[in-house]
Amino acid sequence: MNLAFIPARCGSKGLPGKNIKHLNGKPLISWTIEQALSARCVDDVYVSTDCEEIRRVALNYGAKVPFLRPAEISGDTATTESAVEHFIDWSRKNNLSIDNIILMQATSPFRYSGQIDKAMVQFEDEQADSLVTVTKTHRFIWKNKPEPTASYDILNRPRRQDIAPNDELYFENGSFYISRLKTYERYKNRLGGKVSMFQMTTEESFEIDEMLDFKLVEFIMKQYGMCL
């Protein structure tokens, strides 16, 4: 049993009400719900929210919302893992069988058709315990501002075409994660054990946190064909 799980809190400091704000003609969360429902590998789609309005929208688009998330795991400091753990506890109490949880972020609404199914095939083929979606970056990464260090040899600056496959950089794009139930039970985390990396395109990598992101993703959707 593969279940898609979409967390969607009511509060958002960067863009209030963003989960149900209309993006390219319909509520933001609806894009993720519909993509999950269209995946052959997904048996059911659940939304976890503390907001009655988000619940209503999610139900209208075909997701299941059997409860409202408790306030103690819905605030600004609440983690996504706490929402997943709450859902797992609810599923046990309601005799819902789960093998794998596909955690999907409503704030990453652009996904090409078939991506979830392709990721699940890779996940099973590699016999992974968890899977993270990533996007390749050609940028040179620095860290530790007081004592900066680079992701490359600054005395031998590489050309992009000369970077060895093992040295290529990828960033976690937040689109979705696949985890076996036993991974959450053991690590209390979406990633653990043998991790598989599923590569996605640059246009699928944008997350919505503020209005600029919203406008940019809407533009990308129209350019790449994700319209009504």
C-alpha atoms as a PDB file:
ATOM      1  CA  MET A   1       0.000   0.000   0.000  1.00  0.00           C
ATOM      2  CA  ASN A   2       1.548   3.270  -1.188  1.00  0.00           C
ATOM      3  CA  LEU A   3      -0.019   6.358   0.342  1.00  0.00           C
ATOM      4  CA  ALA A   4       0.623   9.944  -0.727  1.00  0.00           C
ATOM      5  CA  PHE A   5       0.718  12.271   2.270  1.00  0.00           C
ATOM      6  CA  ILE A   6       0.405  16.043   1.803  1.00  0.00           C
ATOM      7  CA  PRO A   7       0.964  18.313   4.823  1.00  0.00           C
ATOM      8  CA  ALA A   8      -0.688  21.738   4.568  1.00  0.00           C
ATOM      9  CA  ARG A   9      -0.712  24.061   7.561  1.00  0.00           C
ATOM     10  CA  CYS A  10      -3.019  27.023   7.830  1.00  0.00           C
ATOM     11  CA  GLY A  11      -0.322  29.499   8.812  1.00  0.00           C
ATOM     12  CA  SER A  12       2.288  30.941   6.456  1.00  0.00           C
ATOM     13  CA  LYS A  13       4.291  34.047   7.305  1.00  0.00           C
ATOM     14  CA  GLY A  14       5.815  34.508   3.862  1.00  0.00           C
ATOM     15  CA  LEU A  15       2.565  34.199   1.916  1.00  0.00           C
ATOM     16  CA  PRO A  16      -0.607  33.957   4.038  1.00  0.00           C
ATOM     17  CA  GLY A  17      -3.136  31.391   2.814  1.00  0.00           C
ATOM     18  CA  LYS A  18      -0.775  30.136   0.123  1.00  0.00           C
ATOM     19  CA  ASN A  19      -1.935  26.509   0.179  1.00  0.00           C
ATOM     20  CA  ILE A  20      -5.338  27.465  -1.228  1.00  0.00           C
ATOM     21  CA  LYS A  21      -4.315  30.608  -3.086  1.00  0.00           C
ATOM     22  CA  HIS A  22      -5.130  30.208  -6.775  1.00  0.00           C
ATOM     23  CA  LEU A  23      -2.159  29.335  -8.945  1.00  0.00           C
ATOM     24  CA  ASN A  24      -2.716  29.234 -12.693  1.00  0.00           C
ATOM     25  CA  GLY A  25      -6.462  28.886 -12.241  1.00  0.00           C
ATOM     26  CA  LYS A  26      -6.924  26.660  -9.190  1.00  0.00           C
ATOM     27  CA  PRO A  27      -5.831  26.273  -5.543  1.00  0.00           C
ATOM     28  CA  LEU A  28      -2.140  25.613  -5.007  1.00  0.00           C
ATOM     29  CA  ILE A  29      -2.696  22.358  -3.122  1.00  0.00           C
ATOM     30  CA  SER A  30      -4.936  20.987  -5.882  1.00  0.00           C
ATOM     31  CA  TRP A  31      -1.976  20.557  -8.262  1.00  0.00           C
ATOM     32  CA  THR A  32      -0.234  18.192  -5.865  1.00  0.00           C
ATOM     33  CA  ILE A  33      -3.423  16.291  -5.022  1.00  0.00           C
ATOM     34  CA  GLU A  34      -4.227  15.708  -8.696  1.00  0.00           C
ATOM     35  CA  GLN A  35      -0.668  14.638  -9.504  1.00  0.00           C
ATOM     36  CA  ALA A  36      -0.767  12.137  -6.643  1.00  0.00           C
ATOM     37  CA  LEU A  37      -4.148  10.771  -7.719  1.00  0.00           C
ATOM     38  CA  SER A  38      -2.937  10.338 -11.297  1.00  0.00           C
ATOM     39  CA  ALA A  39       0.091   8.249 -10.284  1.00  0.00           C
ATOM     40  CA  ARG A  40      -0.423   4.544 -10.904  1.00  0.00           C
ATOM     41  CA  CYS A  41       1.663   3.590  -7.873  1.00  0.00           C
ATOM     42  CA  VAL A  42      -0.416   5.661  -5.418  1.00  0.00           C
ATOM     43  CA  ASP A  43      -3.252   3.810  -3.710  1.00  0.00           C
ATOM     44  CA  ASP A  44      -4.676   6.754  -1.789  1.00  0.00           C
ATOM     45  CA  VAL A  45      -4.035  10.414  -1.041  1.00  0.00           C
ATOM     46  CA  TYR A  46      -4.272  11.964   2.420  1.00  0.00           C
ATOM     47  CA  VAL A  47      -3.978  15.610   3.434  1.00  0.00           C
ATOM     48  CA  SER A  48      -3.025  16.646   6.955  1.00  0.00           C
ATOM     49  CA  THR A  49      -4.140  20.160   7.859  1.00  0.00           C
ATOM     50  CA  ASP A  50      -5.269  22.246  10.809  1.00  0.00           C
ATOM     51  CA  CYS A  51      -7.499  24.406   8.582  1.00  0.00           C
ATOM     52  CA  GLU A  52     -11.139  23.706   7.776  1.00  0.00           C
ATOM     53  CA  GLU A  53     -10.941  25.673   4.506  1.00  0.00           C
ATOM     54  CA  ILE A  54      -7.911  23.689   3.291  1.00  0.00           C
ATOM     55  CA  ARG A  55      -9.755  20.534   4.304  1.00  0.00           C
ATOM     56  CA  ARG A  56     -12.771  21.524   2.202  1.00  0.00           C
ATOM     57  CA  VAL A  57     -10.636  22.286  -0.851  1.00  0.00           C
ATOM     58  CA  ALA A  58      -8.664  19.045  -0.479  1.00  0.00           C
ATOM     59  CA  LEU A  59     -11.857  16.991  -0.263  1.00  0.00           C
ATOM     60  CA  ASN A  60     -13.238  18.722  -3.351  1.00  0.00           C
ATOM     61  CA  TYR A  61     -10.169  17.634  -5.322  1.00  0.00           C
ATOM     62  CA  GLY A  62     -10.372  14.002  -4.225  1.00  0.00           C
ATOM     63  CA  ALA A  63      -8.046  13.722  -1.234  1.00  0.00           C
ATOM     64  CA  LYS A  64      -8.987  12.155   2.083  1.00  0.00           C
ATOM     65  CA  VAL A  65      -8.883  14.390   5.157  1.00  0.00           C
ATOM     66  CA  PRO A  66     -10.161  12.241   8.032  1.00  0.00           C
ATOM     67  CA  PHE A  67      -9.056  14.602  10.815  1.00  0.00           C
ATOM     68  CA  LEU A  68      -7.843  18.117  11.546  1.00  0.00           C
ATOM     69  CA  ARG A  69      -4.270  18.200  12.760  1.00  0.00           C
ATOM     70  CA  PRO A  70      -3.873  19.111  16.459  1.00  0.00           C
ATOM     71  CA  ALA A  71      -2.690  22.643  17.248  1.00  0.00           C
ATOM     72  CA  GLU A  72       0.394  21.401  19.103  1.00  0.00           C
ATOM     73  CA  ILE A  73       1.874  20.059  15.845  1.00  0.00           C
ATOM     74  CA  SER A  74       0.594  22.819  13.584  1.00  0.00           C
ATOM     75  CA  GLY A  75       2.488  25.912  14.695  1.00  0.00           C
ATOM     76  CA  ASP A  76       5.473  27.668  13.114  1.00  0.00           C
ATOM     77  CA  THR A  77       7.936  25.419  14.968  1.00  0.00           C
ATOM     78  CA  ALA A  78       6.143  22.163  14.140  1.00  0.00           C
ATOM     79  CA  THR A  79       8.047  19.768  11.900  1.00  0.00           C
ATOM     80  CA  THR A  80       6.731  17.852   8.918  1.00  0.00           C
ATOM     81  CA  GLU A  81       7.970  14.696  10.624  1.00  0.00           C
ATOM     82  CA  SER A  82       5.611  15.344  13.549  1.00  0.00           C
ATOM     83  CA  ALA A  83       2.684  15.489  11.102  1.00  0.00           C
ATOM     84  CA  VAL A  84       3.773  12.230   9.484  1.00  0.00           C
ATOM     85  CA  GLU A  85       4.163  10.539  12.875  1.00  0.00           C
ATOM     86  CA  HIS A  86       0.684  11.742  13.850  1.00  0.00           C
ATOM     87  CA  PHE A  87      -0.709  10.276  10.620  1.00  0.00           C
ATOM     88  CA  ILE A  88       1.081   6.956  11.169  1.00  0.00           C
ATOM     89  CA  ASP A  89      -0.364   6.767  14.691  1.00  0.00           C
ATOM     90  CA  TRP A  90      -3.852   7.532  13.304  1.00  0.00           C
ATOM     91  CA  SER A  91      -3.446   4.861  10.621  1.00  0.00           C
ATOM     92  CA  ARG A  92      -2.566   2.220  13.204  1.00  0.00           C
ATOM     93  CA  LYS A  93      -5.598   3.084  15.310  1.00  0.00           C
ATOM     94  CA  ASN A  94      -7.787   2.842  12.207  1.00  0.00           C
ATOM     95  CA  ASN A  95      -6.264  -0.372  10.855  1.00  0.00           C
ATOM     96  CA  LEU A  96      -4.885   1.312   7.738  1.00  0.00           C
ATOM     97  CA  SER A  97      -2.106  -0.754   6.198  1.00  0.00           C
ATOM     98  CA  ILE A  98       0.903   1.208   4.875  1.00  0.00           C
ATOM     99  CA  ASP A  99       4.028  -0.025   3.124  1.00  0.00           C
ATOM    100  CA  ASN A 100       5.418   3.225   1.719  1.00  0.00           C
ATOM    101  CA  ILE A 101       4.650   6.885   2.361  1.00  0.00           C
ATOM    102  CA  ILE A 102       5.088   9.380  -0.475  1.00  0.00           C
ATOM    103  CA  LEU A 103       5.487  12.719   1.253  1.00  0.00           C
ATOM    104  CA  MET A 104       4.546  15.474  -1.198  1.00  0.00           C
ATOM    105  CA  GLN A 105       4.985  19.209  -0.671  1.00  0.00           C
ATOM    106  CA  ALA A 106       2.080  21.353  -1.841  1.00  0.00           C
ATOM    107  CA  THR A 107       4.524  24.242  -2.208  1.00  0.00           C
ATOM    108  CA  SER A 108       6.277  22.422  -5.079  1.00  0.00           C
ATOM    109  CA  PRO A 109       3.362  22.188  -7.526  1.00  0.00           C
ATOM    110  CA  PHE A 110       5.228  21.672 -10.818  1.00  0.00           C
ATOM    111  CA  ARG A 111       5.842  18.004 -11.567  1.00  0.00           C
ATOM    112  CA  TYR A 112       5.857  16.418 -14.994  1.00  0.00           C
ATOM    113  CA  SER A 113       3.430  13.561 -15.601  1.00  0.00           C
ATOM    114  CA  GLY A 114       4.787  10.183 -14.551  1.00  0.00           C
ATOM    115  CA  GLN A 115       7.504  11.442 -12.230  1.00  0.00           C
ATOM    116  CA  ILE A 116       6.069   9.802  -9.106  1.00  0.00           C
ATOM    117  CA  ASP A 117       5.742   6.452 -10.873  1.00  0.00           C
ATOM    118  CA  LYS A 118       9.284   6.687 -12.257  1.00  0.00           C
ATOM    119  CA  ALA A 119      10.617   7.500  -8.806  1.00  0.00           C
ATOM    120  CA  MET A 120       8.780   4.528  -7.294  1.00  0.00           C
ATOM    121  CA  VAL A 121      10.262   2.189  -9.908  1.00  0.00           C
ATOM    122  CA  GLN A 122      13.746   3.510  -9.104  1.00  0.00           C
ATOM    123  CA  PHE A 123      13.050   3.224  -5.364  1.00  0.00           C
ATOM    124  CA  GLU A 124      12.108  -0.442  -5.691  1.00  0.00           C
ATOM    125  CA  ASP A 125      14.807  -1.293  -8.247  1.00  0.00           C
ATOM    126  CA  GLU A 126      17.492   0.100  -5.938  1.00  0.00           C
ATOM    127  CA  GLN A 127      15.868  -1.572  -2.922  1.00  0.00           C
ATOM    128  CA  ALA A 128      16.135   1.741  -1.094  1.00  0.00           C
ATOM    129  CA  ASP A 129      14.751   2.617   2.316  1.00  0.00           C
ATOM    130  CA  SER A 130      14.018   6.206   1.325  1.00  0.00           C
ATOM    131  CA  LEU A 131      14.175   8.453  -1.719  1.00  0.00           C
ATOM    132  CA  VAL A 132      14.831  12.169  -2.109  1.00  0.00           C
ATOM    133  CA  THR A 133      14.112  14.278  -5.197  1.00  0.00           C
ATOM    134  CA  VAL A 134      17.007  16.427  -6.364  1.00  0.00           C
ATOM    135  CA  THR A 135      18.002  18.809  -9.129  1.00  0.00           C
ATOM    136  CA  LYS A 136      21.497  19.144 -10.552  1.00  0.00           C
ATOM    137  CA  THR A 137      23.193  22.487 -10.044  1.00  0.00           C
ATOM    138  CA  HIS A 138      26.168  23.912 -11.892  1.00  0.00           C
ATOM    139  CA  ARG A 139      26.700  26.581  -9.294  1.00  0.00           C
ATOM    140  CA  PHE A 140      29.788  26.595  -7.123  1.00  0.00           C
ATOM    141  CA  ILE A 141      28.744  26.272  -3.501  1.00  0.00           C
ATOM    142  CA  TRP A 142      30.358  28.024  -0.544  1.00  0.00           C
ATOM    143  CA  LYS A 143      29.717  27.631   3.186  1.00  0.00           C
ATOM    144  CA  ASN A 144      30.819  28.972   6.585  1.00  0.00           C
ATOM    145  CA  LYS A 145      30.958  32.726   5.948  1.00  0.00           C
ATOM    146  CA  PRO A 146      33.445  33.520   8.789  1.00  0.00           C
ATOM    147  CA  GLU A 147      35.910  30.978   7.347  1.00  0.00           C
ATOM    148  CA  PRO A 148      34.606  30.337   3.810  1.00  0.00           C
ATOM    149  CA  THR A 149      35.239  27.076   2.067  1.00  0.00           C
ATOM    150  CA  ALA A 150      34.196  26.116  -1.460  1.00  0.00           C
ATOM    151  CA  SER A 151      32.780  22.963  -3.005  1.00  0.00           C
ATOM    152  CA  TYR A 152      35.651  22.983  -5.520  1.00  0.00           C
ATOM    153  CA  ASP A 153      39.418  23.510  -5.626  1.00  0.00           C
ATOM    154  CA  ILE A 154      39.688  27.296  -5.919  1.00  0.00           C
ATOM    155  CA  LEU A 155      43.225  27.012  -7.334  1.00  0.00           C
ATOM    156  CA  ASN A 156      42.018  24.714 -10.107  1.00  0.00           C
ATOM    157  CA  ARG A 157      38.619  26.076 -11.051  1.00  0.00           C
ATOM    158  CA  PRO A 158      36.905  23.334 -13.085  1.00  0.00           C
ATOM    159  CA  ARG A 159      34.928  23.842 -16.252  1.00  0.00           C
ATOM    160  CA  ARG A 160      31.385  22.452 -16.094  1.00  0.00           C
ATOM    161  CA  GLN A 161      32.097  19.894 -18.806  1.00  0.00           C
ATOM    162  CA  ASP A 162      35.168  18.641 -16.932  1.00  0.00           C
ATOM    163  CA  ILE A 163      33.441  17.890 -13.619  1.00  0.00           C
ATOM    164  CA  ALA A 164      33.504  14.163 -12.945  1.00  0.00           C
ATOM    165  CA  PRO A 165      30.125  12.461 -12.372  1.00  0.00           C
ATOM    166  CA  ASN A 166      30.993  11.712  -8.743  1.00  0.00           C
ATOM    167  CA  ASP A 167      31.753  15.400  -8.144  1.00  0.00           C
ATOM    168  CA  GLU A 168      28.525  16.784  -9.650  1.00  0.00           C
ATOM    169  CA  LEU A 169      26.333  18.671  -7.202  1.00  0.00           C
ATOM    170  CA  TYR A 170      22.610  18.236  -6.596  1.00  0.00           C
ATOM    171  CA  PHE A 171      20.297  20.129  -4.272  1.00  0.00           C
ATOM    172  CA  GLU A 172      17.267  18.718  -2.487  1.00  0.00           C
ATOM    173  CA  ASN A 173      14.306  20.317  -4.258  1.00  0.00           C
ATOM    174  CA  GLY A 174      11.575  19.368  -1.758  1.00  0.00           C
ATOM    175  CA  SER A 175       9.127  18.091  -4.357  1.00  0.00           C
ATOM    176  CA  PHE A 176       8.488  14.686  -2.806  1.00  0.00           C
ATOM    177  CA  TYR A 177      10.057  11.905  -0.764  1.00  0.00           C
ATOM    178  CA  ILE A 178       9.386   8.181  -0.661  1.00  0.00           C
ATOM    179  CA  SER A 179       9.959   6.311   2.582  1.00  0.00           C
ATOM    180  CA  ARG A 180       9.178   2.835   3.780  1.00  0.00           C
ATOM    181  CA  LEU A 181       7.047   2.779   6.906  1.00  0.00           C
ATOM    182  CA  LYS A 182       9.873   1.002   8.705  1.00  0.00           C
ATOM    183  CA  THR A 183      12.162   3.957   7.878  1.00  0.00           C
ATOM    184  CA  TYR A 184       9.909   6.329   9.844  1.00  0.00           C
ATOM    185  CA  GLU A 185       9.590   3.778  12.623  1.00  0.00           C
ATOM    186  CA  ARG A 186      13.360   3.429  12.935  1.00  0.00           C
ATOM    187  CA  TYR A 187      14.674   6.926  12.201  1.00  0.00           C
ATOM    188  CA  LYS A 188      11.640   9.141  12.957  1.00  0.00           C
ATOM    189  CA  ASN A 189      12.621  10.905   9.747  1.00  0.00           C
ATOM    190  CA  ARG A 190      11.670  10.951   6.063  1.00  0.00           C
ATOM    191  CA  LEU A 191      15.196   9.938   5.050  1.00  0.00           C
ATOM    192  CA  GLY A 192      17.194   7.091   6.505  1.00  0.00           C
ATOM    193  CA  GLY A 193      18.897   3.818   5.687  1.00  0.00           C
ATOM    194  CA  LYS A 194      19.762   3.394   2.014  1.00  0.00           C
ATOM    195  CA  VAL A 195      18.838   6.659   0.284  1.00  0.00           C
ATOM    196  CA  SER A 196      18.051   6.889  -3.431  1.00  0.00           C
ATOM    197  CA  MET A 197      18.369  10.169  -5.382  1.00  0.00           C
ATOM    198  CA  PHE A 198      15.742  10.860  -8.054  1.00  0.00           C
ATOM    199  CA  GLN A 199      16.763  13.627 -10.426  1.00  0.00           C
ATOM    200  CA  MET A 200      14.189  16.176 -11.600  1.00  0.00           C
ATOM    201  CA  THR A 201      14.420  19.096 -14.023  1.00  0.00           C
ATOM    202  CA  THR A 202      15.247  22.672 -13.148  1.00  0.00           C
ATOM    203  CA  GLU A 203      11.689  23.865 -13.762  1.00  0.00           C
ATOM    204  CA  GLU A 204      10.387  21.258 -11.299  1.00  0.00           C
ATOM    205  CA  SER A 205      12.695  22.524  -8.565  1.00  0.00           C
ATOM    206  CA  PHE A 206      10.973  25.767  -7.589  1.00  0.00           C
ATOM    207  CA  GLU A 207       9.323  25.999  -4.166  1.00  0.00           C
ATOM    208  CA  ILE A 208       6.745  28.623  -3.214  1.00  0.00           C
ATOM    209  CA  ASP A 209       7.525  30.595  -0.065  1.00  0.00           C
ATOM    210  CA  GLU A 210       6.639  34.152  -1.074  1.00  0.00           C
ATOM    211  CA  MET A 211       4.803  36.103  -3.766  1.00  0.00           C
ATOM    212  CA  LEU A 212       7.801  36.255  -6.132  1.00  0.00           C
ATOM    213  CA  ASP A 213       7.989  32.448  -6.075  1.00  0.00           C
ATOM    214  CA  PHE A 214       4.260  32.285  -6.774  1.00  0.00           C
ATOM    215  CA  LYS A 215       4.530  34.488  -9.858  1.00  0.00           C
ATOM    216  CA  LEU A 216       7.625  32.660 -11.104  1.00  0.00           C
ATOM    217  CA  VAL A 217       6.035  29.192 -10.785  1.00  0.00           C
ATOM    218  CA  GLU A 218       2.860  30.404 -12.499  1.00  0.00           C
ATOM    219  CA  PHE A 219       4.954  31.716 -15.397  1.00  0.00           C
ATOM    220  CA  ILE A 220       6.828  28.390 -15.620  1.00  0.00           C
ATOM    221  CA  MET A 221       3.567  26.433 -15.601  1.00  0.00           C
ATOM    222  CA  LYS A 222       2.247  28.441 -18.527  1.00  0.00           C
ATOM    223  CA  GLN A 223       5.512  28.159 -20.436  1.00  0.00           C
ATOM    224  CA  TYR A 224       5.798  24.382 -19.962  1.00  0.00           C
ATOM    225  CA  GLY A 225       2.152  23.483 -20.416  1.00  0.00           C
ATOM    226  CA  MET A 226       0.749  22.926 -16.932  1.00  0.00           C
ATOM    227  CA  CYS A 227      -2.495  24.794 -17.422  1.00  0.00           C
ATOM    228  CA  LEU A 228      -6.193  24.101 -16.829  1.00  0.00           C
END
